[in-house]
Amino acid sequence: MLKKRIIPCLDIKNGRTVKGVNFLGLRDAGDPIELSHRYIESGADELVYLDITATVNQENIFYDLIKKIAQTVDIPFTVGGGIKTLQDVSKIISSGADKISLNSRALEDPNLISEIAKRFGSQGLVLAVDTKEVQGSWIVYKNGGRVPTRYNAKEWIKIAQDLGAGEILLTSMNNDGTREGFALDIIQEISETINIPLIASGGAGTIGHFIDLFKNTKATGALAASIFHYQDISIKELKRKLLKKGIALR
């Protein structure tokens, strides 16, 4: 059994960390380098950096920030947002990132998944899936959660796994930023049907939510943002409580 991971996520806009609710109402949450140092010291297993406006605004990927992160971060980190080509992936990896996260571009050109997997290996490719429950069906969205697609989450994730995705980052848009708990039903349904790791995102608000996630689903990682940014939950204390509940951690 894979040990569970605690993964802070830093949504980046104009070089700053931001956070909103249900993908809207963004507010400043701090300097990404300073936050990264705090998370490493408190025991984070990995970090994820997502440029949340690069895809929508056709902006350049934040390579300079990636290089700064790589110089100061000594745990694995993933970078996503605005990735369109193999050249983008190559430049991100050469800037120091351990993995890349693909979302909207994969939906527009699924073959890019297999091209990246062949060239860089599946282990470095995280497929980010933003999904929203609409009339009982979990619809996949692109462009930062702004545009619905024709796929449901289960269908799209199966396609991506077959094409070579090495890991899934599943975000419930219904739960994102609400602090009311993870979307356990869809997380469990998908984690039961794939054979690659799944990171759950969206809705973490208490230590109990993390316990529920790891006790009731096969998710191998939990990603959260605002509760860590604003220090509502200490990662050190969270991991202590998880271990006490018999949950094996990395």
C-alpha atoms as a PDB file:
ATOM      1  CA  MET A   1       0.000   0.000   0.000  1.00  0.00           C
ATOM      2  CA  LEU A   2       1.278   3.461  -0.911  1.00  0.00           C
ATOM      3  CA  LYS A   3       1.931   5.716   2.051  1.00  0.00           C
ATOM      4  CA  LYS A   4      -0.234   8.822   2.203  1.00  0.00           C
ATOM      5  CA  ARG A   5       1.083  12.280   1.318  1.00  0.00           C
ATOM      6  CA  ILE A   6       0.171  15.761   2.545  1.00  0.00           C
ATOM      7  CA  ILE A   7       0.569  18.279  -0.266  1.00  0.00           C
ATOM      8  CA  PRO A   8       0.085  22.037   0.054  1.00  0.00           C
ATOM      9  CA  CYS A   9      -0.999  23.706  -3.181  1.00  0.00           C
ATOM     10  CA  LEU A  10       0.027  27.223  -4.125  1.00  0.00           C
ATOM     11  CA  ASP A  11      -2.179  28.850  -6.768  1.00  0.00           C
ATOM     12  CA  ILE A  12      -0.020  31.506  -8.422  1.00  0.00           C
ATOM     13  CA  LYS A  13      -1.200  34.755 -10.018  1.00  0.00           C
ATOM     14  CA  ASN A  14       1.279  37.462 -11.006  1.00  0.00           C
ATOM     15  CA  GLY A  15       3.966  35.843  -8.859  1.00  0.00           C
ATOM     16  CA  ARG A  16       1.822  35.780  -5.687  1.00  0.00           C
ATOM     17  CA  THR A  17      -0.070  32.984  -3.957  1.00  0.00           C
ATOM     18  CA  VAL A  18      -3.851  33.465  -4.119  1.00  0.00           C
ATOM     19  CA  LYS A  19      -6.916  31.544  -2.949  1.00  0.00           C
ATOM     20  CA  GLY A  20     -10.666  31.760  -3.552  1.00  0.00           C
ATOM     21  CA  VAL A  21     -13.874  29.771  -3.053  1.00  0.00           C
ATOM     22  CA  ASN A  22     -15.295  27.532  -5.800  1.00  0.00           C
ATOM     23  CA  PHE A  23     -12.562  28.902  -8.106  1.00  0.00           C
ATOM     24  CA  LEU A  24     -13.809  32.499  -7.623  1.00  0.00           C
ATOM     25  CA  GLY A  25     -13.130  35.537  -5.392  1.00  0.00           C
ATOM     26  CA  LEU A  26      -9.341  35.290  -5.332  1.00  0.00           C
ATOM     27  CA  ARG A  27      -7.423  37.007  -2.534  1.00  0.00           C
ATOM     28  CA  ASP A  28      -3.744  37.279  -1.746  1.00  0.00           C
ATOM     29  CA  ALA A  29      -2.304  34.531   0.460  1.00  0.00           C
ATOM     30  CA  GLY A  30       1.384  35.414   0.524  1.00  0.00           C
ATOM     31  CA  ASP A  31       4.772  35.015  -1.112  1.00  0.00           C
ATOM     32  CA  PRO A  32       5.196  31.540  -2.655  1.00  0.00           C
ATOM     33  CA  ILE A  33       8.854  31.172  -1.629  1.00  0.00           C
ATOM     34  CA  GLU A  34       8.148  32.107   2.004  1.00  0.00           C
ATOM     35  CA  LEU A  35       5.151  29.768   2.118  1.00  0.00           C
ATOM     36  CA  SER A  36       7.221  26.965   0.592  1.00  0.00           C
ATOM     37  CA  HIS A  37       9.848  27.275   3.321  1.00  0.00           C
ATOM     38  CA  ARG A  38       7.181  27.165   6.009  1.00  0.00           C
ATOM     39  CA  TYR A  39       5.636  24.019   4.516  1.00  0.00           C
ATOM     40  CA  ILE A  40       8.947  22.216   4.225  1.00  0.00           C
ATOM     41  CA  GLU A  41       9.789  22.993   7.850  1.00  0.00           C
ATOM     42  CA  SER A  42       6.383  21.726   8.984  1.00  0.00           C
ATOM     43  CA  GLY A  43       6.730  18.387   7.173  1.00  0.00           C
ATOM     44  CA  ALA A  44       4.971  18.683   3.797  1.00  0.00           C
ATOM     45  CA  ASP A  45       5.684  15.703   1.545  1.00  0.00           C
ATOM     46  CA  GLU A  46       5.400  17.517  -1.779  1.00  0.00           C
ATOM     47  CA  LEU A  47       4.359  20.923  -3.136  1.00  0.00           C
ATOM     48  CA  VAL A  48       2.200  21.879  -6.118  1.00  0.00           C
ATOM     49  CA  TYR A  49       2.374  25.231  -7.892  1.00  0.00           C
ATOM     50  CA  LEU A  50      -0.423  26.090 -10.323  1.00  0.00           C
ATOM     51  CA  ASP A  51      -0.401  29.227 -12.461  1.00  0.00           C
ATOM     52  CA  ILE A  52      -4.156  29.689 -12.462  1.00  0.00           C
ATOM     53  CA  THR A  53      -4.297  32.419 -15.115  1.00  0.00           C
ATOM     54  CA  ALA A  54      -1.662  31.241 -17.619  1.00  0.00           C
ATOM     55  CA  THR A  55      -4.074  29.068 -19.629  1.00  0.00           C
ATOM     56  CA  VAL A  56      -6.929  31.573 -19.648  1.00  0.00           C
ATOM     57  CA  ASN A  57      -4.859  34.669 -20.421  1.00  0.00           C
ATOM     58  CA  GLN A  58      -2.330  32.938 -22.707  1.00  0.00           C
ATOM     59  CA  GLU A  59       0.457  34.184 -20.449  1.00  0.00           C
ATOM     60  CA  ASN A  60       3.998  32.822 -20.296  1.00  0.00           C
ATOM     61  CA  ILE A  61       4.804  30.120 -17.767  1.00  0.00           C
ATOM     62  CA  PHE A  62       6.583  31.477 -14.666  1.00  0.00           C
ATOM     63  CA  TYR A  63      10.010  29.972 -15.383  1.00  0.00           C
ATOM     64  CA  ASP A  64      11.940  32.448 -13.228  1.00  0.00           C
ATOM     65  CA  LEU A  65       9.814  31.550 -10.205  1.00  0.00           C
ATOM     66  CA  ILE A  66      10.286  27.825 -10.901  1.00  0.00           C
ATOM     67  CA  LYS A  67      14.075  28.302 -10.849  1.00  0.00           C
ATOM     68  CA  LYS A  68      13.881  30.194  -7.540  1.00  0.00           C
ATOM     69  CA  ILE A  69      11.701  27.445  -6.074  1.00  0.00           C
ATOM     70  CA  ALA A  70      14.109  24.750  -7.258  1.00  0.00           C
ATOM     71  CA  GLN A  71      17.015  26.534  -5.566  1.00  0.00           C
ATOM     72  CA  THR A  72      15.290  26.607  -2.182  1.00  0.00           C
ATOM     73  CA  VAL A  73      12.921  23.601  -2.099  1.00  0.00           C
ATOM     74  CA  ASP A  74      14.297  20.148  -1.234  1.00  0.00           C
ATOM     75  CA  ILE A  75      11.100  18.103  -1.574  1.00  0.00           C
ATOM     76  CA  PRO A  76       9.401  17.045  -4.838  1.00  0.00           C
ATOM     77  CA  PHE A  77       7.325  19.748  -6.506  1.00  0.00           C
ATOM     78  CA  THR A  78       4.895  19.864  -9.414  1.00  0.00           C
ATOM     79  CA  VAL A  79       4.236  22.800 -11.736  1.00  0.00           C
ATOM     80  CA  GLY A  80       1.101  23.351 -13.819  1.00  0.00           C
ATOM     81  CA  GLY A  81      -0.681  26.055 -15.774  1.00  0.00           C
ATOM     82  CA  GLY A  82      -0.259  27.188 -19.368  1.00  0.00           C
ATOM     83  CA  ILE A  83       1.590  24.066 -20.549  1.00  0.00           C
ATOM     84  CA  LYS A  84       0.894  23.509 -24.253  1.00  0.00           C
ATOM     85  CA  THR A  85       3.880  21.747 -25.839  1.00  0.00           C
ATOM     86  CA  LEU A  86       6.681  19.259 -25.224  1.00  0.00           C
ATOM     87  CA  GLN A  87       9.022  22.264 -25.270  1.00  0.00           C
ATOM     88  CA  ASP A  88       7.104  23.801 -22.348  1.00  0.00           C
ATOM     89  CA  VAL A  89       7.469  20.566 -20.400  1.00  0.00           C
ATOM     90  CA  SER A  90      11.179  20.334 -21.194  1.00  0.00           C
ATOM     91  CA  LYS A  91      11.778  23.898 -20.041  1.00  0.00           C
ATOM     92  CA  ILE A  92       9.834  23.380 -16.777  1.00  0.00           C
ATOM     93  CA  ILE A  93      11.732  20.180 -15.962  1.00  0.00           C
ATOM     94  CA  SER A  94      15.075  21.781 -16.843  1.00  0.00           C
ATOM     95  CA  SER A  95      14.131  24.741 -14.603  1.00  0.00           C
ATOM     96  CA  GLY A  96      14.035  22.294 -11.694  1.00  0.00           C
ATOM     97  CA  ALA A  97      10.485  20.921 -11.341  1.00  0.00           C
ATOM     98  CA  ASP A  98      10.092  17.219 -10.553  1.00  0.00           C
ATOM     99  CA  LYS A  99       6.697  16.826 -12.250  1.00  0.00           C
ATOM    100  CA  ILE A 100       4.366  18.757 -14.502  1.00  0.00           C
ATOM    101  CA  SER A 101       0.607  19.006 -14.194  1.00  0.00           C
ATOM    102  CA  LEU A 102      -1.498  19.007 -17.339  1.00  0.00           C
ATOM    103  CA  ASN A 103      -5.151  20.050 -17.454  1.00  0.00           C
ATOM    104  CA  SER A 104      -6.843  22.071 -20.211  1.00  0.00           C
ATOM    105  CA  ARG A 105      -4.326  21.292 -22.936  1.00  0.00           C
ATOM    106  CA  ALA A 106      -4.744  17.555 -22.378  1.00  0.00           C
ATOM    107  CA  LEU A 107      -8.497  17.892 -22.915  1.00  0.00           C
ATOM    108  CA  GLU A 108      -7.890  19.725 -26.186  1.00  0.00           C
ATOM    109  CA  ASP A 109      -5.131  17.364 -27.340  1.00  0.00           C
ATOM    110  CA  PRO A 110      -5.206  14.049 -25.449  1.00  0.00           C
ATOM    111  CA  ASN A 111      -2.289  12.722 -27.500  1.00  0.00           C
ATOM    112  CA  LEU A 112      -0.039  15.176 -25.677  1.00  0.00           C
ATOM    113  CA  ILE A 113      -0.386  12.921 -22.626  1.00  0.00           C
ATOM    114  CA  SER A 114       1.189   9.975 -24.429  1.00  0.00           C
ATOM    115  CA  GLU A 115       3.852  12.186 -26.041  1.00  0.00           C
ATOM    116  CA  ILE A 116       4.926  13.547 -22.645  1.00  0.00           C
ATOM    117  CA  ALA A 117       4.836  10.090 -21.058  1.00  0.00           C
ATOM    118  CA  LYS A 118       7.037   8.628 -23.810  1.00  0.00           C
ATOM    119  CA  ARG A 119       9.597  11.417 -23.647  1.00  0.00           C
ATOM    120  CA  PHE A 120       9.726  12.206 -19.936  1.00  0.00           C
ATOM    121  CA  GLY A 121       8.112   9.166 -18.278  1.00  0.00           C
ATOM    122  CA  SER A 122       4.676   8.725 -16.728  1.00  0.00           C
ATOM    123  CA  GLN A 123       6.071   9.258 -13.227  1.00  0.00           C
ATOM    124  CA  GLY A 124       6.549  12.957 -13.999  1.00  0.00           C
ATOM    125  CA  LEU A 125       3.085  13.548 -15.474  1.00  0.00           C
ATOM    126  CA  VAL A 126       0.185  14.536 -13.220  1.00  0.00           C
ATOM    127  CA  LEU A 127      -3.212  14.915 -14.864  1.00  0.00           C
ATOM    128  CA  ALA A 128      -5.200  17.620 -13.080  1.00  0.00           C
ATOM    129  CA  VAL A 129      -8.957  17.151 -13.355  1.00  0.00           C
ATOM    130  CA  ASP A 130     -11.358  19.893 -12.258  1.00  0.00           C
ATOM    131  CA  THR A 131     -14.810  18.374 -11.910  1.00  0.00           C
ATOM    132  CA  LYS A 132     -18.205  19.672 -10.839  1.00  0.00           C
ATOM    133  CA  GLU A 133     -21.351  17.743  -9.979  1.00  0.00           C
ATOM    134  CA  VAL A 134     -24.121  18.909 -12.284  1.00  0.00           C
ATOM    135  CA  GLN A 135     -27.492  17.169 -11.986  1.00  0.00           C
ATOM    136  CA  GLY A 136     -25.910  14.009 -10.617  1.00  0.00           C
ATOM    137  CA  SER A 137     -23.057  13.803 -13.130  1.00  0.00           C
ATOM    138  CA  TRP A 138     -19.457  14.832 -12.437  1.00  0.00           C
ATOM    139  CA  ILE A 139     -18.560  16.995 -15.429  1.00  0.00           C
ATOM    140  CA  VAL A 140     -14.938  17.849 -16.272  1.00  0.00           C
ATOM    141  CA  TYR A 141     -14.163  21.557 -16.715  1.00  0.00           C
ATOM    142  CA  LYS A 142     -11.221  23.304 -18.382  1.00  0.00           C
ATOM    143  CA  ASN A 143      -9.686  26.794 -18.490  1.00  0.00           C
ATOM    144  CA  GLY A 144      -9.460  27.176 -14.735  1.00  0.00           C
ATOM    145  CA  GLY A 145     -12.921  25.738 -14.118  1.00  0.00           C
ATOM    146  CA  ARG A 146     -14.606  28.170 -16.498  1.00  0.00           C
ATOM    147  CA  VAL A 147     -15.583  25.936 -19.436  1.00  0.00           C
ATOM    148  CA  PRO A 148     -17.474  22.605 -19.209  1.00  0.00           C
ATOM    149  CA  THR A 149     -16.342  19.751 -21.469  1.00  0.00           C
ATOM    150  CA  ARG A 150     -18.130  16.715 -22.911  1.00  0.00           C
ATOM    151  CA  TYR A 151     -16.390  14.349 -20.495  1.00  0.00           C
ATOM    152  CA  ASN A 152     -17.471  13.033 -17.128  1.00  0.00           C
ATOM    153  CA  ALA A 153     -14.655  12.594 -14.615  1.00  0.00           C
ATOM    154  CA  LYS A 154     -14.541   8.798 -14.553  1.00  0.00           C
ATOM    155  CA  GLU A 155     -14.490   8.537 -18.346  1.00  0.00           C
ATOM    156  CA  TRP A 156     -11.792  11.172 -18.837  1.00  0.00           C
ATOM    157  CA  ILE A 157      -9.501   9.808 -16.128  1.00  0.00           C
ATOM    158  CA  LYS A 158      -9.687   6.293 -17.607  1.00  0.00           C
ATOM    159  CA  ILE A 159      -8.729   7.681 -21.035  1.00  0.00           C
ATOM    160  CA  ALA A 160      -5.827   9.652 -19.543  1.00  0.00           C
ATOM    161  CA  GLN A 161      -4.535   6.657 -17.601  1.00  0.00           C
ATOM    162  CA  ASP A 162      -4.546   4.551 -20.764  1.00  0.00           C
ATOM    163  CA  LEU A 163      -2.630   7.298 -22.588  1.00  0.00           C
ATOM    164  CA  GLY A 164       0.118   7.340 -19.953  1.00  0.00           C
ATOM    165  CA  ALA A 165      -0.796   9.732 -17.133  1.00  0.00           C
ATOM    166  CA  GLY A 166       1.147   8.705 -14.031  1.00  0.00           C
ATOM    167  CA  GLU A 167      -0.971  10.349 -11.364  1.00  0.00           C
ATOM    168  CA  ILE A 168      -4.343  12.078 -10.993  1.00  0.00           C
ATOM    169  CA  LEU A 169      -5.014  15.331  -9.139  1.00  0.00           C
ATOM    170  CA  LEU A 170      -8.796  15.369  -8.707  1.00  0.00           C
ATOM    171  CA  THR A 171     -10.405  18.639  -7.594  1.00  0.00           C
ATOM    172  CA  SER A 172     -14.082  18.876  -6.735  1.00  0.00           C
ATOM    173  CA  MET A 173     -15.152  22.370  -7.755  1.00  0.00           C
ATOM    174  CA  ASN A 174     -18.264  22.020  -5.589  1.00  0.00           C
ATOM    175  CA  ASN A 175     -16.082  21.589  -2.518  1.00  0.00           C
ATOM    176  CA  ASP A 176     -13.141  23.839  -3.409  1.00  0.00           C
ATOM    177  CA  GLY A 177     -12.473  26.451  -0.727  1.00  0.00           C
ATOM    178  CA  THR A 178     -15.622  25.602   1.261  1.00  0.00           C
ATOM    179  CA  ARG A 179     -13.777  23.788   4.080  1.00  0.00           C
ATOM    180  CA  GLU A 180     -16.719  21.390   4.372  1.00  0.00           C
ATOM    181  CA  GLY A 181     -14.844  18.199   3.537  1.00  0.00           C
ATOM    182  CA  PHE A 182     -13.620  16.293   0.483  1.00  0.00           C
ATOM    183  CA  ALA A 183     -16.035  14.880  -2.122  1.00  0.00           C
ATOM    184  CA  LEU A 184     -15.592  11.336  -0.786  1.00  0.00           C
ATOM    185  CA  ASP A 185     -18.082   9.611  -3.107  1.00  0.00           C
ATOM    186  CA  ILE A 186     -16.465  10.604  -6.414  1.00  0.00           C
ATOM    187  CA  ILE A 187     -12.940  10.249  -4.969  1.00  0.00           C
ATOM    188  CA  GLN A 188     -13.649   6.689  -3.879  1.00  0.00           C
ATOM    189  CA  GLU A 189     -15.463   5.796  -7.096  1.00  0.00           C
ATOM    190  CA  ILE A 190     -12.518   6.893  -9.227  1.00  0.00           C
ATOM    191  CA  SER A 191      -9.769   5.615  -6.935  1.00  0.00           C
ATOM    192  CA  GLU A 192     -11.401   2.162  -7.092  1.00  0.00           C
ATOM    193  CA  THR A 193     -11.249   2.084 -10.904  1.00  0.00           C
ATOM    194  CA  ILE A 194      -7.684   3.265 -11.633  1.00  0.00           C
ATOM    195  CA  ASN A 195      -4.278   1.774 -10.901  1.00  0.00           C
ATOM    196  CA  ILE A 196      -2.290   5.000 -10.608  1.00  0.00           C
ATOM    197  CA  PRO A 197      -2.073   7.274  -7.536  1.00  0.00           C
ATOM    198  CA  LEU A 198      -4.871   9.764  -6.909  1.00  0.00           C
ATOM    199  CA  ILE A 199      -4.463  13.046  -5.033  1.00  0.00           C
ATOM    200  CA  ALA A 200      -7.727  14.465  -3.675  1.00  0.00           C
ATOM    201  CA  SER A 201      -8.316  18.205  -3.632  1.00  0.00           C
ATOM    202  CA  GLY A 202     -11.117  20.556  -2.671  1.00  0.00           C
ATOM    203  CA  GLY A 203     -12.908  21.007   0.644  1.00  0.00           C
ATOM    204  CA  ALA A 204     -10.367  20.344   3.403  1.00  0.00           C
ATOM    205  CA  GLY A 205     -11.273  22.300   6.521  1.00  0.00           C
ATOM    206  CA  THR A 206     -10.418  20.153   9.550  1.00  0.00           C
ATOM    207  CA  ILE A 207      -8.039  17.376  10.514  1.00  0.00           C
ATOM    208  CA  GLY A 208     -11.085  15.107  10.571  1.00  0.00           C
ATOM    209  CA  HIS A 209     -11.599  15.675   6.856  1.00  0.00           C
ATOM    210  CA  PHE A 210      -8.147  14.240   6.116  1.00  0.00           C
ATOM    211  CA  ILE A 211      -8.830  11.262   8.371  1.00  0.00           C
ATOM    212  CA  ASP A 212     -12.154  10.638   6.585  1.00  0.00           C
ATOM    213  CA  LEU A 213     -10.442  10.847   3.201  1.00  0.00           C
ATOM    214  CA  PHE A 214      -7.721   8.324   3.984  1.00  0.00           C
ATOM    215  CA  LYS A 215      -9.976   5.972   5.957  1.00  0.00           C
ATOM    216  CA  ASN A 216     -12.807   5.914   3.397  1.00  0.00           C
ATOM    217  CA  THR A 217     -11.112   6.173  -0.005  1.00  0.00           C
ATOM    218  CA  LYS A 218      -8.032   4.858  -1.780  1.00  0.00           C
ATOM    219  CA  ALA A 219      -6.642   8.357  -2.355  1.00  0.00           C
ATOM    220  CA  THR A 220      -2.873   8.351  -1.811  1.00  0.00           C
ATOM    221  CA  GLY A 221      -2.499  12.087  -1.319  1.00  0.00           C
ATOM    222  CA  ALA A 222      -4.441  15.022   0.072  1.00  0.00           C
ATOM    223  CA  LEU A 223      -3.955  18.481  -1.358  1.00  0.00           C
ATOM    224  CA  ALA A 224      -5.098  21.660   0.365  1.00  0.00           C
ATOM    225  CA  ALA A 225      -4.410  25.375   0.165  1.00  0.00           C
ATOM    226  CA  SER A 226      -6.150  27.956   2.335  1.00  0.00           C
ATOM    227  CA  ILE A 227      -6.077  25.988   5.604  1.00  0.00           C
ATOM    228  CA  PHE A 228      -2.299  25.765   5.275  1.00  0.00           C
ATOM    229  CA  HIS A 229      -1.734  29.278   3.878  1.00  0.00           C
ATOM    230  CA  TYR A 230      -3.613  30.936   6.742  1.00  0.00           C
ATOM    231  CA  GLN A 231      -2.200  28.458   9.316  1.00  0.00           C
ATOM    232  CA  ASP A 232      -5.603  27.150  10.404  1.00  0.00           C
ATOM    233  CA  ILE A 233      -4.087  23.667  10.460  1.00  0.00           C
ATOM    234  CA  SER A 234      -0.455  22.807  11.194  1.00  0.00           C
ATOM    235  CA  ILE A 235       0.925  20.117   8.893  1.00  0.00           C
ATOM    236  CA  LYS A 236       3.005  18.793  11.778  1.00  0.00           C
ATOM    237  CA  GLU A 237      -0.081  18.425  13.990  1.00  0.00           C
ATOM    238  CA  LEU A 238      -2.114  16.985  11.091  1.00  0.00           C
ATOM    239  CA  LYS A 239       0.459  14.265  10.466  1.00  0.00           C
ATOM    240  CA  ARG A 240       0.685  13.484  14.178  1.00  0.00           C
ATOM    241  CA  LYS A 241      -3.091  12.944  14.327  1.00  0.00           C
ATOM    242  CA  LEU A 242      -3.096  10.842  11.148  1.00  0.00           C
ATOM    243  CA  LEU A 243      -0.378   8.574  12.510  1.00  0.00           C
ATOM    244  CA  LYS A 244      -2.338   8.232  15.739  1.00  0.00           C
ATOM    245  CA  LYS A 245      -5.279   6.951  13.643  1.00  0.00           C
ATOM    246  CA  GLY A 246      -3.055   4.292  12.094  1.00  0.00           C
ATOM    247  CA  ILE A 247      -2.676   6.011   8.723  1.00  0.00           C
ATOM    248  CA  ALA A 248       0.750   5.311   7.212  1.00  0.00           C
ATOM    249  CA  LEU A 249       2.472   8.465   5.984  1.00  0.00           C
ATOM    250  CA  ARG A 250       5.413   9.018   3.706  1.00  0.00           C
END
